[in-house]
Amino acid sequence: MHEEEVFWMLNALCDEHKYKMQNLWKPTMPEMKLRLFQMEHLIERHLSKISHHFQSHQILSASMFYAQIWFKTLFTKTEIPMISNEIIFRIWDCFFYQGFIVLFKFGLAILKYNETQ
């Protein structure tokens, strides 16, 4: 990509309602609390075993472990070995097509995959 194309891509990530990234990157991250709240409730609803595990170990916010980093970096900064570049590129493809909801879906999928560990 040329510099101008990169600029317009970042501009779209910030300005388009579909991606909703602008308020995640601001210094106070005003949108992050909402996204973590939503992730927490999705974990409770769809991954009750993990949710109970976190609660039983008095982990205050299950989604605070990885979700915040996943959301801010679109999964590029993660220490989970199963996430290769191919998977990250697939996440991005889906994200650019469907929007922010994809980050929730992949986050839940990763937690589900590791549920037995």
N, C-alpha and C. Protein backbone atom coordinates (compact mmCIF):
# COMPACT_ATOMS: atom_id res chain seq x y z
N MET A 1 0.83 -1.19 0.00
CA MET A 1 0.00 0.00 0.00
C MET A 1 0.88 1.25 0.00
N HIS A 2 0.40 2.25 -0.67
CA HIS A 2 1.09 3.54 -0.66
C HIS A 2 0.68 4.32 0.58
N GLU A 3 1.47 5.32 0.92
CA GLU A 3 1.21 6.11 2.13
C GLU A 3 -0.20 6.70 2.15
N GLU A 4 -0.64 7.19 1.02
CA GLU A 4 -1.98 7.80 0.97
C GLU A 4 -3.07 6.76 1.23
N GLU A 5 -2.89 5.55 0.70
CA GLU A 5 -3.86 4.49 0.92
C GLU A 5 -3.90 4.09 2.40
N VAL A 6 -2.74 4.03 3.04
CA VAL A 6 -2.67 3.72 4.46
C VAL A 6 -3.39 4.80 5.26
N PHE A 7 -3.16 6.06 4.90
CA PHE A 7 -3.83 7.16 5.57
C PHE A 7 -5.34 7.01 5.49
N TRP A 8 -5.87 6.74 4.31
CA TRP A 8 -7.32 6.64 4.15
C TRP A 8 -7.88 5.41 4.85
N MET A 9 -7.07 4.37 4.93
CA MET A 9 -7.51 3.17 5.67
C MET A 9 -7.63 3.50 7.16
N LEU A 10 -6.63 4.15 7.73
CA LEU A 10 -6.70 4.55 9.14
C LEU A 10 -7.83 5.55 9.37
N ASN A 11 -8.03 6.43 8.42
CA ASN A 11 -9.13 7.38 8.52
C ASN A 11 -10.48 6.64 8.57
N ALA A 12 -10.63 5.63 7.74
CA ALA A 12 -11.87 4.85 7.75
C ALA A 12 -12.06 4.12 9.08
N LEU A 13 -10.98 3.58 9.63
CA LEU A 13 -11.07 2.90 10.92
C LEU A 13 -11.54 3.85 12.02
N CYS A 14 -11.13 5.09 11.92
CA CYS A 14 -11.51 6.07 12.94
C CYS A 14 -12.90 6.65 12.71
N ASP A 15 -13.24 6.95 11.49
CA ASP A 15 -14.45 7.71 11.21
C ASP A 15 -15.69 6.88 10.90
N GLU A 16 -15.54 5.72 10.32
CA GLU A 16 -16.71 4.94 9.93
C GLU A 16 -17.34 4.24 11.12
N HIS A 17 -18.64 4.34 11.20
CA HIS A 17 -19.40 3.76 12.31
C HIS A 17 -19.21 2.23 12.38
N LYS A 18 -19.00 1.62 11.27
CA LYS A 18 -18.84 0.16 11.19
C LYS A 18 -17.68 -0.35 12.05
N TYR A 19 -16.59 0.42 12.12
CA TYR A 19 -15.39 -0.03 12.81
C TYR A 19 -15.29 0.49 14.24
N LYS A 20 -15.74 1.69 14.49
CA LYS A 20 -15.83 2.25 15.85
C LYS A 20 -14.50 2.21 16.61
N MET A 21 -13.43 2.58 15.95
CA MET A 21 -12.11 2.48 16.58
C MET A 21 -11.62 3.80 17.19
N GLN A 22 -12.14 4.92 16.74
CA GLN A 22 -11.61 6.21 17.16
C GLN A 22 -11.59 6.37 18.68
N ASN A 23 -12.66 6.02 19.35
CA ASN A 23 -12.73 6.20 20.79
C ASN A 23 -11.98 5.13 21.58
N LEU A 24 -11.47 4.12 20.89
CA LEU A 24 -10.60 3.14 21.56
C LEU A 24 -9.17 3.63 21.62
N TRP A 25 -8.81 4.52 20.70
CA TRP A 25 -7.43 4.99 20.61
C TRP A 25 -7.21 6.33 21.28
N LYS A 26 -8.26 6.98 21.74
CA LYS A 26 -8.09 8.26 22.45
C LYS A 26 -7.44 7.99 23.79
N PRO A 27 -6.78 9.00 24.37
CA PRO A 27 -6.07 8.78 25.65
C PRO A 27 -6.94 8.21 26.77
N THR A 28 -8.18 8.62 26.88
CA THR A 28 -9.03 8.10 27.96
C THR A 28 -9.82 6.86 27.55
N MET A 29 -9.73 6.48 26.29
CA MET A 29 -10.41 5.29 25.74
C MET A 29 -11.88 5.21 26.18
N PRO A 30 -12.70 6.21 25.84
CA PRO A 30 -14.07 6.23 26.34
C PRO A 30 -14.92 5.05 25.88
N GLU A 31 -14.62 4.49 24.73
CA GLU A 31 -15.42 3.38 24.21
C GLU A 31 -15.00 2.03 24.81
N MET A 32 -13.81 1.96 25.39
CA MET A 32 -13.28 0.69 25.87
C MET A 32 -14.13 0.09 26.99
N LYS A 33 -14.60 0.91 27.92
CA LYS A 33 -15.42 0.39 29.02
C LYS A 33 -16.67 -0.30 28.49
N LEU A 34 -17.29 0.32 27.49
CA LEU A 34 -18.48 -0.29 26.88
C LEU A 34 -18.14 -1.62 26.23
N ARG A 35 -17.05 -1.65 25.47
CA ARG A 35 -16.66 -2.88 24.77
C ARG A 35 -16.31 -4.00 25.76
N LEU A 36 -15.63 -3.66 26.85
CA LEU A 36 -15.29 -4.68 27.85
C LEU A 36 -16.54 -5.16 28.58
N PHE A 37 -17.46 -4.25 28.86
CA PHE A 37 -18.74 -4.62 29.47
C PHE A 37 -19.49 -5.59 28.55
N GLN A 38 -19.52 -5.28 27.26
CA GLN A 38 -20.19 -6.16 26.29
C GLN A 38 -19.52 -7.51 26.22
N MET A 39 -18.20 -7.52 26.21
CA MET A 39 -17.46 -8.79 26.14
C MET A 39 -17.73 -9.62 27.39
N GLU A 40 -17.75 -8.97 28.52
CA GLU A 40 -18.02 -9.67 29.78
C GLU A 40 -19.38 -10.37 29.74
N HIS A 41 -20.37 -9.69 29.23
CA HIS A 41 -21.71 -10.28 29.16
C HIS A 41 -21.80 -11.37 28.09
N LEU A 42 -21.06 -11.22 27.03
CA LEU A 42 -21.02 -12.28 26.02
C LEU A 42 -20.36 -13.54 26.59
N ILE A 43 -19.32 -13.36 27.39
CA ILE A 43 -18.68 -14.51 28.04
C ILE A 43 -19.66 -15.18 28.99
N GLU A 44 -20.36 -14.40 29.78
CA GLU A 44 -21.35 -14.97 30.71
C GLU A 44 -22.43 -15.74 29.96
N ARG A 45 -22.87 -15.19 28.84
CA ARG A 45 -23.97 -15.80 28.09
C ARG A 45 -23.56 -17.04 27.30
N HIS A 46 -22.40 -16.97 26.65
CA HIS A 46 -22.01 -18.04 25.73
C HIS A 46 -20.94 -18.99 26.28
N LEU A 47 -20.21 -18.56 27.29
CA LEU A 47 -19.13 -19.37 27.84
C LEU A 47 -19.26 -19.42 29.36
N SER A 48 -20.35 -19.97 29.83
CA SER A 48 -20.64 -19.94 31.27
C SER A 48 -19.58 -20.68 32.09
N LYS A 49 -18.99 -21.72 31.53
CA LYS A 49 -17.95 -22.46 32.24
C LYS A 49 -16.75 -21.56 32.53
N ILE A 50 -16.33 -20.81 31.52
CA ILE A 50 -15.20 -19.88 31.70
C ILE A 50 -15.59 -18.76 32.66
N SER A 51 -16.79 -18.26 32.51
CA SER A 51 -17.27 -17.19 33.38
C SER A 51 -17.26 -17.63 34.83
N HIS A 52 -17.75 -18.84 35.10
CA HIS A 52 -17.75 -19.36 36.47
C HIS A 52 -16.32 -19.56 36.98
N HIS A 53 -15.44 -20.01 36.11
CA HIS A 53 -14.03 -20.20 36.49
C HIS A 53 -13.42 -18.87 36.92
N PHE A 54 -13.64 -17.84 36.12
CA PHE A 54 -13.11 -16.52 36.48
C PHE A 54 -13.70 -16.03 37.80
N GLN A 55 -14.99 -16.22 37.97
CA GLN A 55 -15.64 -15.76 39.20
C GLN A 55 -15.15 -16.55 40.41
N SER A 56 -14.96 -17.85 40.26
CA SER A 56 -14.52 -18.67 41.39
C SER A 56 -13.09 -18.33 41.82
N HIS A 57 -12.30 -17.81 40.91
CA HIS A 57 -10.92 -17.40 41.24
C HIS A 57 -10.83 -15.90 41.52
N GLN A 58 -11.98 -15.30 41.70
CA GLN A 58 -12.10 -13.88 42.04
C GLN A 58 -11.37 -12.97 41.05
N ILE A 59 -11.49 -13.33 39.79
CA ILE A 59 -10.97 -12.48 38.73
C ILE A 59 -12.08 -11.49 38.41
N LEU A 60 -11.81 -10.23 38.66
CA LEU A 60 -12.86 -9.21 38.58
C LEU A 60 -13.43 -9.05 37.19
N SER A 61 -12.61 -9.03 36.21
CA SER A 61 -13.10 -8.82 34.85
C SER A 61 -12.37 -9.77 33.90
N ALA A 62 -13.07 -10.78 33.49
CA ALA A 62 -12.45 -11.79 32.63
C ALA A 62 -11.93 -11.17 31.34
N SER A 63 -12.66 -10.26 30.80
CA SER A 63 -12.27 -9.71 29.51
C SER A 63 -11.09 -8.76 29.60
N MET A 64 -10.75 -8.30 30.79
CA MET A 64 -9.63 -7.38 30.92
C MET A 64 -8.29 -8.04 30.59
N PHE A 65 -8.20 -9.35 30.69
CA PHE A 65 -6.93 -10.01 30.43
C PHE A 65 -6.45 -9.80 29.00
N TYR A 66 -7.26 -10.16 28.04
CA TYR A 66 -6.83 -10.08 26.65
C TYR A 66 -7.68 -9.16 25.80
N ALA A 67 -8.94 -9.03 26.11
CA ALA A 67 -9.85 -8.31 25.22
C ALA A 67 -9.42 -6.88 24.96
N GLN A 68 -8.94 -6.19 25.96
CA GLN A 68 -8.53 -4.80 25.76
C GLN A 68 -7.42 -4.70 24.71
N ILE A 69 -6.45 -5.57 24.80
CA ILE A 69 -5.36 -5.57 23.82
C ILE A 69 -5.88 -6.01 22.46
N TRP A 70 -6.72 -7.05 22.44
CA TRP A 70 -7.29 -7.52 21.17
C TRP A 70 -8.03 -6.39 20.46
N PHE A 71 -8.85 -5.66 21.20
CA PHE A 71 -9.66 -4.62 20.60
C PHE A 71 -8.81 -3.46 20.09
N LYS A 72 -7.83 -3.05 20.85
CA LYS A 72 -7.01 -1.90 20.45
C LYS A 72 -6.09 -2.22 19.28
N THR A 73 -5.61 -3.45 19.20
CA THR A 73 -4.61 -3.79 18.19
C THR A 73 -5.13 -4.71 17.10
N LEU A 74 -6.43 -5.00 17.11
CA LEU A 74 -7.03 -5.91 16.13
C LEU A 74 -6.31 -7.26 16.13
N PHE A 75 -6.00 -7.75 17.32
CA PHE A 75 -5.38 -9.06 17.55
C PHE A 75 -3.92 -9.16 17.12
N THR A 76 -3.28 -8.06 16.76
CA THR A 76 -1.88 -8.15 16.34
C THR A 76 -0.95 -8.34 17.52
N LYS A 77 -1.32 -7.86 18.68
CA LYS A 77 -0.47 -8.04 19.87
C LYS A 77 -1.14 -9.07 20.78
N THR A 78 -0.71 -10.27 20.64
CA THR A 78 -1.24 -11.34 21.47
C THR A 78 -0.15 -12.36 21.71
N GLU A 79 -0.19 -12.98 22.84
CA GLU A 79 0.83 -13.98 23.17
C GLU A 79 0.24 -15.39 23.13
N ILE A 80 -0.80 -15.54 22.37
CA ILE A 80 -1.44 -16.85 22.23
C ILE A 80 -0.82 -17.54 21.02
N PRO A 81 -0.16 -18.67 21.24
CA PRO A 81 0.57 -19.32 20.15
C PRO A 81 -0.31 -19.73 18.97
N MET A 82 -1.59 -20.01 19.20
CA MET A 82 -2.44 -20.49 18.12
C MET A 82 -2.79 -19.41 17.10
N ILE A 83 -2.49 -18.14 17.41
CA ILE A 83 -2.85 -17.06 16.50
C ILE A 83 -1.64 -16.76 15.61
N SER A 84 -1.65 -17.35 14.44
CA SER A 84 -0.58 -17.13 13.47
C SER A 84 -0.94 -15.91 12.62
N ASN A 85 -0.01 -15.52 11.76
CA ASN A 85 -0.30 -14.41 10.85
C ASN A 85 -1.48 -14.71 9.95
N GLU A 86 -1.62 -15.96 9.51
CA GLU A 86 -2.75 -16.34 8.67
C GLU A 86 -4.07 -16.08 9.38
N ILE A 87 -4.13 -16.41 10.65
CA ILE A 87 -5.36 -16.20 11.42
C ILE A 87 -5.60 -14.71 11.63
N ILE A 88 -4.56 -13.96 11.92
CA ILE A 88 -4.71 -12.51 12.08
C ILE A 88 -5.23 -11.89 10.79
N PHE A 89 -4.70 -12.31 9.66
CA PHE A 89 -5.16 -11.76 8.37
C PHE A 89 -6.63 -12.12 8.13
N ARG A 90 -7.02 -13.32 8.54
CA ARG A 90 -8.43 -13.72 8.39
C ARG A 90 -9.32 -12.86 9.30
N ILE A 91 -8.86 -12.61 10.52
CA ILE A 91 -9.61 -11.73 11.43
C ILE A 91 -9.78 -10.36 10.79
N TRP A 92 -8.71 -9.84 10.22
CA TRP A 92 -8.79 -8.52 9.57
C TRP A 92 -9.76 -8.54 8.40
N ASP A 93 -9.69 -9.57 7.56
CA ASP A 93 -10.63 -9.68 6.44
C ASP A 93 -12.07 -9.60 6.93
N CYS A 94 -12.36 -10.39 7.94
CA CYS A 94 -13.72 -10.40 8.49
C CYS A 94 -14.07 -9.06 9.13
N PHE A 95 -13.11 -8.47 9.83
CA PHE A 95 -13.34 -7.18 10.48
C PHE A 95 -13.66 -6.09 9.45
N PHE A 96 -12.89 -6.03 8.37
CA PHE A 96 -13.13 -5.00 7.37
C PHE A 96 -14.45 -5.23 6.63
N TYR A 97 -14.90 -6.47 6.59
CA TYR A 97 -16.17 -6.76 5.93
C TYR A 97 -17.37 -6.54 6.86
N GLN A 98 -17.27 -7.03 8.11
CA GLN A 98 -18.42 -7.03 9.01
C GLN A 98 -18.36 -5.96 10.10
N GLY A 99 -17.19 -5.48 10.43
CA GLY A 99 -17.08 -4.46 11.47
C GLY A 99 -16.68 -5.02 12.83
N PHE A 100 -16.93 -4.23 13.85
CA PHE A 100 -16.42 -4.50 15.19
C PHE A 100 -16.92 -5.81 15.79
N ILE A 101 -18.09 -6.24 15.41
CA ILE A 101 -18.67 -7.47 15.98
C ILE A 101 -17.74 -8.67 15.80
N VAL A 102 -16.93 -8.63 14.77
CA VAL A 102 -15.99 -9.72 14.49
C VAL A 102 -14.99 -9.88 15.63
N LEU A 103 -14.58 -8.77 16.25
CA LEU A 103 -13.62 -8.85 17.34
C LEU A 103 -14.22 -9.61 18.52
N PHE A 104 -15.51 -9.41 18.77
CA PHE A 104 -16.18 -10.18 19.82
C PHE A 104 -16.23 -11.66 19.45
N LYS A 105 -16.58 -11.96 18.22
CA LYS A 105 -16.71 -13.35 17.77
C LYS A 105 -15.39 -14.10 17.88
N PHE A 106 -14.32 -13.50 17.39
CA PHE A 106 -13.02 -14.17 17.47
C PHE A 106 -12.53 -14.27 18.91
N GLY A 107 -12.78 -13.24 19.71
CA GLY A 107 -12.40 -13.30 21.12
C GLY A 107 -13.08 -14.45 21.84
N LEU A 108 -14.39 -14.60 21.60
CA LEU A 108 -15.13 -15.71 22.20
C LEU A 108 -14.62 -17.05 21.67
N ALA A 109 -14.32 -17.11 20.40
CA ALA A 109 -13.82 -18.36 19.80
C ALA A 109 -12.49 -18.77 20.43
N ILE A 110 -11.61 -17.82 20.65
CA ILE A 110 -10.31 -18.13 21.27
C ILE A 110 -10.51 -18.62 22.69
N LEU A 111 -11.37 -17.96 23.43
CA LEU A 111 -11.65 -18.42 24.81
C LEU A 111 -12.27 -19.80 24.80
N LYS A 112 -13.20 -20.04 23.89
CA LYS A 112 -13.85 -21.36 23.78
C LYS A 112 -12.83 -22.44 23.43
N TYR A 113 -11.94 -22.14 22.51
CA TYR A 113 -10.91 -23.09 22.11
C TYR A 113 -10.03 -23.49 23.29
N ASN A 114 -9.76 -22.54 24.17
CA ASN A 114 -8.89 -22.79 25.32
C ASN A 114 -9.66 -23.14 26.59
N GLU A 115 -10.96 -23.36 26.48
CA GLU A 115 -11.81 -23.60 27.63
C GLU A 115 -11.38 -24.80 28.46
N THR A 116 -10.90 -25.82 27.85
CA THR A 116 -10.56 -27.05 28.58
C THR A 116 -9.22 -26.95 29.30
N GLN A 117 -8.44 -25.95 29.01
CA GLN A 117 -7.11 -25.83 29.62
C GLN A 117 -7.18 -25.14 30.95
